[in-house]
């Protein structure tokens, strides 16, 4: 709690002021208004500045208030105090910053929002060569943001609402045709609207994240596990129970005891065993360092899937065939969107700190501020 209140009265050293529009000296003014604005606390006391501000009518046609420099037009706090509030919002929620400052939470939010907006330079000085494109859910009900990051710089460049082609188009339009031609690689998930936009605006190699491919095959294995569990007899069901993560986990990450338990389980179901081996085989291929060897092994894996007759894996194989160019490019460039998980964790923290954001523009600005600068 503040110890009290201090009001500092500011006086003028000269009556002449300059027009904020043309910078001409204006000798006369139409009116004079008193302003009281919040400033940085002074030794535990709430500090306010009181000063008189002139309303001008310049020969250039400008008619309005003078620019006093240390406080913005129609603002109730000095620029220094707004900077302080914005810094608080980098480390705590708007609600917490409002409690510390004694300001209304909406005032705190407006200060932080305006401060972030004024500090952003957009894409004018950016020249990304390798970009990562990912989506982030910001509300329940399939509401997404598109996040574009610079893979080499390791920071967020741009955020847009939704995950449509038009969303990513807006990024490329802002970046400009000349800079779009400099983009060489785009790493992303298998999402057709993003693919169409990247192909339209750039000549970049499209790389599909290997973790997205791994997710597809793990989902297929889990589907096989559920189907086989449903059809199994009671004794086998008892062994299957609570073994989901044991089946889905990489074999190399299992302890000897867990591996023995898994082997015992797979011996009782030939289909699940074959599905598990196909999963492990594909994940090993994705870890292959040699580009040509990986491509050859992938063809062998596809033949193994056909021979297995497992429908869930045939669907995965068709997906891989449809997006084979991006998987081949992964073997070429060895790029993933793994770094985006760190950004997604930061974004989740921003969301939790504010218990969700109703002001989507403010949420997008916070993402760029905390993940991009």
Protein backbone atom coordinates (compact mmCIF):
# COMPACT_ATOMS: atom_id res chain seq x y z
CA UNK A 1 0.00 0.00 0.00
CA UNK A 2 1.30 3.51 -0.80
CA UNK A 3 2.28 5.74 2.11
CA UNK A 4 0.34 8.64 0.67
CA UNK A 5 -0.04 10.93 -2.30
CA UNK A 6 2.35 13.44 -3.86
CA UNK A 7 1.33 15.94 -6.55
CA UNK A 8 4.13 17.76 -8.36
CA UNK A 9 3.12 21.02 -10.04
CA UNK A 10 4.98 21.62 -13.30
CA UNK A 11 5.55 25.13 -14.61
CA UNK A 12 6.54 26.37 -18.06
CA UNK A 13 9.89 27.93 -18.88
CA UNK A 14 8.46 29.56 -22.03
CA UNK A 15 5.02 30.22 -23.46
CA UNK A 16 5.89 29.48 -27.06
CA UNK A 17 5.16 25.93 -28.24
CA UNK A 18 5.69 24.01 -31.48
CA UNK A 19 2.99 22.52 -33.68
CA UNK A 20 3.20 18.70 -33.48
CA UNK A 21 2.21 18.54 -37.16
CA UNK A 22 4.60 20.97 -38.94
CA UNK A 23 6.99 21.82 -36.05
CA UNK A 24 6.36 25.58 -36.57
CA UNK A 25 6.51 27.80 -33.47
CA UNK A 26 2.98 28.81 -32.46
CA UNK A 27 2.89 32.04 -30.45
CA UNK A 28 -0.77 31.94 -29.56
CA UNK A 29 -3.04 29.26 -28.24
CA UNK A 30 -6.82 28.84 -28.24
CA UNK A 31 -7.25 27.42 -24.78
CA UNK A 32 -5.44 25.97 -21.81
CA UNK A 33 -6.38 22.82 -19.89
CA UNK A 34 -5.05 21.40 -16.63
CA UNK A 35 -3.94 17.74 -16.69
CA UNK A 36 -3.22 15.39 -13.81
CA UNK A 37 -1.31 12.23 -14.77
CA UNK A 38 0.12 9.31 -12.82
CA UNK A 39 3.90 9.13 -12.59
CA UNK A 40 6.41 6.74 -11.02
CA UNK A 41 6.05 6.37 -7.25
CA UNK A 42 8.28 8.59 -5.14
CA UNK A 43 9.75 6.95 -2.00
CA UNK A 44 6.63 4.87 -1.44
CA UNK A 45 4.19 7.69 -2.26
CA UNK A 46 1.86 7.68 -5.24
CA UNK A 47 3.12 10.43 -7.50
CA UNK A 48 1.07 12.59 -9.87
CA UNK A 49 2.15 15.39 -12.16
CA UNK A 50 -0.05 18.44 -12.73
CA UNK A 51 0.59 20.74 -15.68
CA UNK A 52 -1.21 23.00 -18.12
CA UNK A 53 -1.51 21.94 -21.75
CA UNK A 54 -2.28 24.32 -24.60
CA UNK A 55 -4.78 23.81 -27.38
CA UNK A 56 -3.25 25.12 -30.61
CA UNK A 57 -4.51 26.41 -33.94
CA UNK A 58 -1.59 26.44 -36.38
CA UNK A 59 -1.38 28.03 -39.82
CA UNK A 60 -0.74 24.56 -41.30
CA UNK A 61 -4.30 23.64 -40.40
CA UNK A 62 -3.57 21.63 -37.26
CA UNK A 63 -6.04 22.20 -34.47
CA UNK A 64 -5.53 20.26 -31.28
CA UNK A 65 -3.43 19.76 -28.19
CA UNK A 66 0.31 20.36 -28.04
CA UNK A 67 2.76 17.47 -27.68
CA UNK A 68 4.32 17.57 -24.22
CA UNK A 69 6.62 14.61 -24.84
CA UNK A 70 6.54 12.82 -21.49
CA UNK A 71 2.85 11.83 -21.75
CA UNK A 72 0.85 10.66 -24.77
CA UNK A 73 -2.29 12.32 -26.09
CA UNK A 74 -5.37 11.47 -24.05
CA UNK A 75 -3.29 9.24 -21.72
CA UNK A 76 -3.64 9.31 -17.94
CA UNK A 77 -0.11 8.12 -17.13
CA UNK A 78 3.33 9.35 -18.10
CA UNK A 79 5.34 7.37 -20.64
CA UNK A 80 7.77 6.36 -17.87
CA UNK A 81 4.94 4.96 -15.77
CA UNK A 82 3.46 3.11 -18.75
CA UNK A 83 6.89 1.57 -19.38
CA UNK A 84 6.94 0.41 -15.75
CA UNK A 85 3.44 -1.13 -16.03
CA UNK A 86 4.37 -2.87 -19.30
CA UNK A 87 7.47 -4.37 -17.65
CA UNK A 88 5.33 -5.72 -14.82
CA UNK A 89 3.07 -7.39 -17.38
CA UNK A 90 6.06 -9.29 -18.78
CA UNK A 91 6.41 -11.19 -15.50
CA UNK A 92 2.88 -11.37 -14.09
CA UNK A 93 -0.77 -11.32 -15.03
CA UNK A 94 -2.69 -8.13 -15.77
CA UNK A 95 -4.68 -8.71 -12.58
CA UNK A 96 -1.51 -8.91 -10.46
CA UNK A 97 -0.04 -5.82 -12.12
CA UNK A 98 -3.29 -3.97 -11.41
CA UNK A 99 -3.07 -4.93 -7.71
CA UNK A 100 0.51 -3.64 -7.46
CA UNK A 101 -0.15 -0.35 -9.24
CA UNK A 102 -3.66 0.31 -7.93
CA UNK A 103 -4.90 0.82 -11.49
CA UNK A 104 -7.99 -0.75 -12.99
CA UNK A 105 -7.13 -4.02 -14.78
CA UNK A 106 -8.55 -2.70 -18.05
CA UNK A 107 -6.26 0.34 -17.81
CA UNK A 108 -3.28 -1.95 -17.22
CA UNK A 109 -4.24 -4.09 -20.21
CA UNK A 110 -4.66 -1.05 -22.46
CA UNK A 111 -1.27 0.31 -21.36
CA UNK A 112 0.48 -3.00 -22.03
CA UNK A 113 -1.30 -3.50 -25.35
CA UNK A 114 -0.42 -0.02 -26.61
CA UNK A 115 3.19 -0.39 -25.42
CA UNK A 116 3.67 -3.71 -27.23
CA UNK A 117 2.04 -2.40 -30.40
CA UNK A 118 4.32 0.64 -30.46
CA UNK A 119 7.46 -1.46 -29.89
CA UNK A 120 6.87 -3.91 -32.75
CA UNK A 121 8.57 -3.25 -36.06
CA UNK A 122 6.63 -5.80 -38.10
CA UNK A 123 8.42 -7.68 -40.85
CA UNK A 124 10.17 -4.69 -42.43
CA UNK A 125 13.59 -5.69 -41.09
CA UNK A 126 13.12 -9.46 -41.28
CA UNK A 127 14.61 -11.78 -43.90
CA UNK A 128 13.88 -15.38 -42.92
CA UNK A 129 15.52 -18.16 -44.93
CA UNK A 130 14.05 -21.13 -43.07
CA UNK A 131 10.63 -20.79 -41.44
CA UNK A 132 8.53 -23.00 -39.20
CA UNK A 133 4.74 -22.87 -39.43
CA UNK A 134 2.56 -24.23 -36.65
CA UNK A 135 -0.92 -23.78 -35.24
CA UNK A 136 -1.84 -23.09 -31.61
CA UNK A 137 -5.30 -23.57 -30.10
CA UNK A 138 -6.41 -20.48 -28.18
CA UNK A 139 -10.00 -21.43 -27.34
CA UNK A 140 -12.06 -24.59 -27.16
CA UNK A 141 -14.05 -25.37 -30.27
CA UNK A 142 -11.25 -25.56 -32.85
CA UNK A 143 -10.15 -21.93 -32.69
CA UNK A 144 -6.55 -21.60 -33.80
CA UNK A 145 -3.75 -19.14 -34.36
CA UNK A 146 -1.09 -19.58 -37.02
CA UNK A 147 2.42 -18.99 -35.67
CA UNK A 148 5.35 -18.38 -38.04
CA UNK A 149 8.86 -18.51 -36.61
CA UNK A 150 12.37 -18.01 -37.92
CA UNK A 151 14.07 -21.39 -37.51
CA UNK A 152 17.59 -19.95 -37.59
CA UNK A 153 16.90 -17.01 -35.25
CA UNK A 154 14.75 -19.13 -32.93
CA UNK A 155 11.95 -16.62 -32.46
CA UNK A 156 8.37 -15.93 -33.50
CA UNK A 157 8.01 -13.59 -36.48
CA UNK A 158 4.26 -13.36 -36.95
CA UNK A 159 0.92 -14.53 -35.56
CA UNK A 160 -2.40 -14.68 -37.41
CA UNK A 161 -5.96 -15.72 -36.58
CA UNK A 162 -7.16 -19.13 -37.87
CA UNK A 163 -5.19 -21.70 -39.88
CA UNK A 164 -6.58 -21.11 -43.35
CA UNK A 165 -4.61 -20.51 -46.53
CA UNK A 166 -5.64 -16.86 -46.35
CA UNK A 167 -4.09 -16.63 -42.89
CA UNK A 168 -0.63 -17.61 -44.09
CA UNK A 169 -1.15 -15.59 -47.28
CA UNK A 170 -1.39 -12.50 -45.07
CA UNK A 171 2.07 -13.25 -43.63
CA UNK A 172 3.64 -13.54 -47.08
CA UNK A 173 1.91 -10.37 -48.32
CA UNK A 174 3.32 -8.48 -45.33
CA UNK A 175 6.76 -10.00 -45.88
CA UNK A 176 6.80 -8.93 -49.54
CA UNK A 177 7.42 -10.76 -52.81
CA UNK A 178 11.19 -10.13 -52.85
CA UNK A 179 11.72 -11.56 -49.36
CA UNK A 180 9.35 -14.47 -50.09
CA UNK A 181 11.71 -15.55 -52.86
CA UNK A 182 14.53 -15.79 -50.29
CA UNK A 183 12.66 -18.36 -48.16
CA UNK A 184 14.33 -21.70 -48.88
CA UNK A 185 12.75 -24.12 -46.39
CA UNK A 186 9.37 -24.31 -44.62
CA UNK A 187 8.93 -26.94 -41.90
CA UNK A 188 5.36 -27.73 -40.90
CA UNK A 189 2.67 -30.36 -40.35
CA UNK A 190 0.75 -32.01 -43.19
CA UNK A 191 -1.84 -29.24 -43.49
CA UNK A 192 -3.06 -28.55 -47.03
CA UNK A 193 -3.96 -24.83 -46.59
CA UNK A 194 -0.42 -24.08 -45.40
CA UNK A 195 1.06 -26.14 -48.23
CA UNK A 196 -0.98 -24.25 -50.84
CA UNK A 197 0.07 -20.87 -49.44
CA UNK A 198 3.77 -21.74 -49.30
CA UNK A 199 3.72 -23.07 -52.86
CA UNK A 200 1.94 -19.95 -54.11
CA UNK A 201 4.27 -17.42 -52.52
CA UNK A 202 7.66 -19.16 -52.29
CA UNK A 203 9.81 -21.74 -53.97
CA UNK A 204 10.77 -23.25 -50.62
CA UNK A 205 11.31 -26.94 -49.91
CA UNK A 206 8.36 -28.08 -47.80
CA UNK A 207 9.55 -30.25 -44.90
CA UNK A 208 7.09 -32.30 -42.87
CA UNK A 209 7.92 -32.63 -39.21
CA UNK A 210 9.03 -36.18 -38.42
CA UNK A 211 7.21 -35.98 -35.09
CA UNK A 212 3.96 -35.45 -37.00
CA UNK A 213 4.66 -38.65 -38.97
CA UNK A 214 5.53 -40.45 -35.72
CA UNK A 215 2.25 -39.25 -34.22
CA UNK A 216 0.33 -40.76 -37.15
CA UNK A 217 1.92 -44.18 -36.74
CA UNK A 218 1.47 -44.11 -32.94
CA UNK A 219 -2.22 -43.32 -33.41
CA UNK A 220 -2.49 -46.28 -35.80
CA UNK A 221 -0.79 -48.58 -33.29
CA UNK A 222 -3.10 -47.39 -30.52
CA UNK A 223 -6.10 -48.08 -32.74
CA UNK A 224 -4.83 -51.63 -33.36
CA UNK A 225 -4.26 -52.09 -29.62
CA UNK A 226 -7.84 -51.03 -28.81
CA UNK A 227 -9.29 -53.32 -31.49
CA UNK A 228 -7.28 -56.32 -30.34
CA UNK A 229 -8.12 -55.58 -26.69
CA UNK A 230 -11.82 -55.51 -27.54
CA UNK A 231 -11.67 -58.91 -29.28
CA UNK A 232 -9.39 -60.62 -26.73
CA UNK A 233 -10.55 -63.17 -24.14
CA UNK A 234 -10.72 -62.27 -20.45
CA UNK A 235 -7.27 -63.56 -19.49
CA UNK A 236 -5.52 -61.66 -22.28
CA UNK A 237 -7.61 -58.55 -21.54
CA UNK A 238 -6.32 -58.61 -17.99
CA UNK A 239 -2.74 -58.52 -19.30
CA UNK A 240 -3.57 -55.79 -21.85
CA UNK A 241 -5.05 -53.52 -19.21
CA UNK A 242 -3.00 -50.42 -18.30
CA UNK A 243 -0.35 -51.28 -20.91
CA UNK A 244 -1.10 -48.51 -23.40
CA UNK A 245 1.99 -46.40 -22.78
CA UNK A 246 4.15 -49.51 -22.63
CA UNK A 247 3.09 -50.36 -26.20
CA UNK A 248 3.40 -46.79 -27.52
CA UNK A 249 6.79 -46.02 -26.00
CA UNK A 250 9.99 -46.47 -28.02
CA UNK A 251 11.58 -49.84 -27.32
CA UNK A 252 14.97 -48.22 -26.76
CA UNK A 253 13.50 -46.15 -23.92
CA UNK A 254 12.17 -49.15 -21.98
CA UNK A 255 13.94 -50.65 -18.99
CA UNK A 256 14.88 -54.37 -19.23
CA UNK A 257 11.95 -55.24 -16.94
CA UNK A 258 9.47 -53.23 -19.02
CA UNK A 259 10.84 -54.73 -22.23
CA UNK A 260 10.34 -58.23 -20.84
CA UNK A 261 6.73 -57.38 -19.90
CA UNK A 262 6.11 -55.99 -23.38
CA UNK A 263 7.59 -59.06 -25.10
CA UNK A 264 5.32 -61.30 -23.03
CA UNK A 265 2.31 -59.23 -24.02
CA UNK A 266 3.14 -59.16 -27.74
CA UNK A 267 3.69 -62.93 -27.86
CA UNK A 268 0.01 -63.38 -27.05
CA UNK A 269 -1.20 -61.31 -30.02
CA UNK A 270 0.45 -61.70 -33.43
CA UNK A 271 -1.36 -58.71 -35.00
CA UNK A 272 -0.32 -56.35 -32.22
CA UNK A 273 3.22 -57.67 -32.38
CA UNK A 274 3.42 -57.01 -36.12
CA UNK A 275 1.90 -53.52 -35.66
CA UNK A 276 4.42 -52.76 -32.93
CA UNK A 277 7.37 -53.86 -35.08
CA UNK A 278 6.11 -51.73 -37.99
CA UNK A 279 5.91 -48.73 -35.67
CA UNK A 280 9.45 -49.27 -34.40
CA UNK A 281 10.71 -49.79 -37.94
CA UNK A 282 9.25 -46.47 -39.15
CA UNK A 283 10.60 -44.54 -36.16
CA UNK A 284 14.05 -46.01 -36.81
CA UNK A 285 13.79 -44.88 -40.44
CA UNK A 286 12.97 -41.33 -39.31
CA UNK A 287 16.18 -41.38 -37.25
CA UNK A 288 18.26 -42.54 -40.24
CA UNK A 289 21.06 -40.07 -41.05
CA UNK A 290 21.61 -41.05 -44.69
CA UNK A 291 19.06 -39.51 -47.07
CA UNK A 292 19.11 -42.22 -49.76
CA UNK A 293 19.25 -45.06 -47.24
CA UNK A 294 16.23 -43.61 -45.42
CA UNK A 295 14.24 -43.32 -48.68
CA UNK A 296 15.07 -46.94 -49.60
CA UNK A 297 14.13 -48.19 -46.14
CA UNK A 298 10.86 -46.26 -46.32
CA UNK A 299 9.95 -48.13 -49.54
CA UNK A 300 10.69 -51.42 -47.77
CA UNK A 301 8.47 -50.36 -44.86
CA UNK A 302 5.59 -49.60 -47.25
CA UNK A 303 5.90 -53.11 -48.73
CA UNK A 304 5.86 -54.58 -45.22
CA UNK A 305 2.64 -52.68 -44.47
CA UNK A 306 0.97 -54.07 -47.59
CA UNK A 307 2.00 -57.60 -46.62
CA UNK A 308 0.73 -57.14 -43.05
CA UNK A 309 -2.80 -56.26 -44.20
CA UNK A 310 -3.31 -54.06 -41.12
CA UNK A 311 -5.87 -51.46 -42.21
CA UNK A 312 -4.80 -48.78 -39.76
CA UNK A 313 -1.26 -48.89 -41.15
CA UNK A 314 -2.47 -48.89 -44.73
CA UNK A 315 -4.11 -45.52 -43.97
CA UNK A 316 -0.81 -44.22 -42.60
CA UNK A 317 0.98 -45.52 -45.69
CA UNK A 318 -1.46 -43.69 -47.99
CA UNK A 319 -0.90 -40.48 -46.03
CA UNK A 320 2.86 -40.92 -46.38
CA UNK A 321 2.51 -41.55 -50.12
CA UNK A 322 0.38 -38.41 -50.54
CA UNK A 323 2.95 -36.28 -48.72
CA UNK A 324 6.08 -38.19 -49.71
CA UNK A 325 7.83 -35.09 -51.09
CA UNK A 326 7.82 -33.42 -47.66
CA UNK A 327 9.10 -36.55 -45.93
CA UNK A 328 11.91 -36.86 -48.48
CA UNK A 329 12.72 -33.21 -47.79
CA UNK A 330 12.93 -34.04 -44.09
CA UNK A 331 15.63 -36.61 -44.85
CA UNK A 332 17.38 -33.92 -46.92
CA UNK A 333 17.24 -31.03 -44.43
CA UNK A 334 16.79 -32.85 -41.07
CA UNK A 335 14.57 -30.07 -39.73
CA UNK A 336 11.69 -30.49 -37.29
CA UNK A 337 9.24 -28.26 -35.47
CA UNK A 338 10.58 -29.51 -32.13
CA UNK A 339 11.56 -25.96 -31.12
CA UNK A 340 7.94 -24.92 -31.58
CA UNK A 341 7.06 -27.07 -28.56
CA UNK A 342 9.09 -24.69 -26.42
CA UNK A 343 7.20 -21.77 -27.92
CA UNK A 344 3.91 -23.59 -27.38
CA UNK A 345 4.80 -24.04 -23.70
CA UNK A 346 5.47 -20.30 -23.43
CA UNK A 347 2.19 -19.54 -25.17
CA UNK A 348 0.40 -21.90 -22.78
CA UNK A 349 1.98 -20.02 -19.86
CA UNK A 350 0.75 -16.70 -21.29
CA UNK A 351 -2.74 -18.19 -21.60
CA UNK A 352 -2.76 -19.62 -18.07
CA UNK A 353 -1.39 -16.40 -16.61
CA UNK A 354 -4.42 -14.54 -17.95
CA UNK A 355 -6.90 -17.43 -17.56
CA UNK A 356 -7.46 -17.23 -21.33
CA UNK A 357 -7.69 -14.15 -23.55
CA UNK A 358 -10.94 -12.65 -24.77
CA UNK A 359 -9.02 -9.91 -26.57
CA UNK A 360 -7.41 -12.03 -29.29
CA UNK A 361 -5.33 -9.13 -30.63
CA UNK A 362 -3.78 -8.63 -27.18
CA UNK A 363 -3.03 -12.36 -26.96
CA UNK A 364 -1.28 -12.28 -30.35
CA UNK A 365 0.75 -9.22 -29.33
CA UNK A 366 1.81 -10.96 -26.09
CA UNK A 367 3.00 -14.00 -28.07
CA UNK A 368 5.18 -11.86 -30.36
CA UNK A 369 6.46 -9.83 -27.39
CA UNK A 370 7.48 -12.80 -25.25
CA UNK A 371 8.49 -15.23 -28.01
CA UNK A 372 9.70 -12.93 -30.74
CA UNK A 373 11.77 -10.03 -29.41
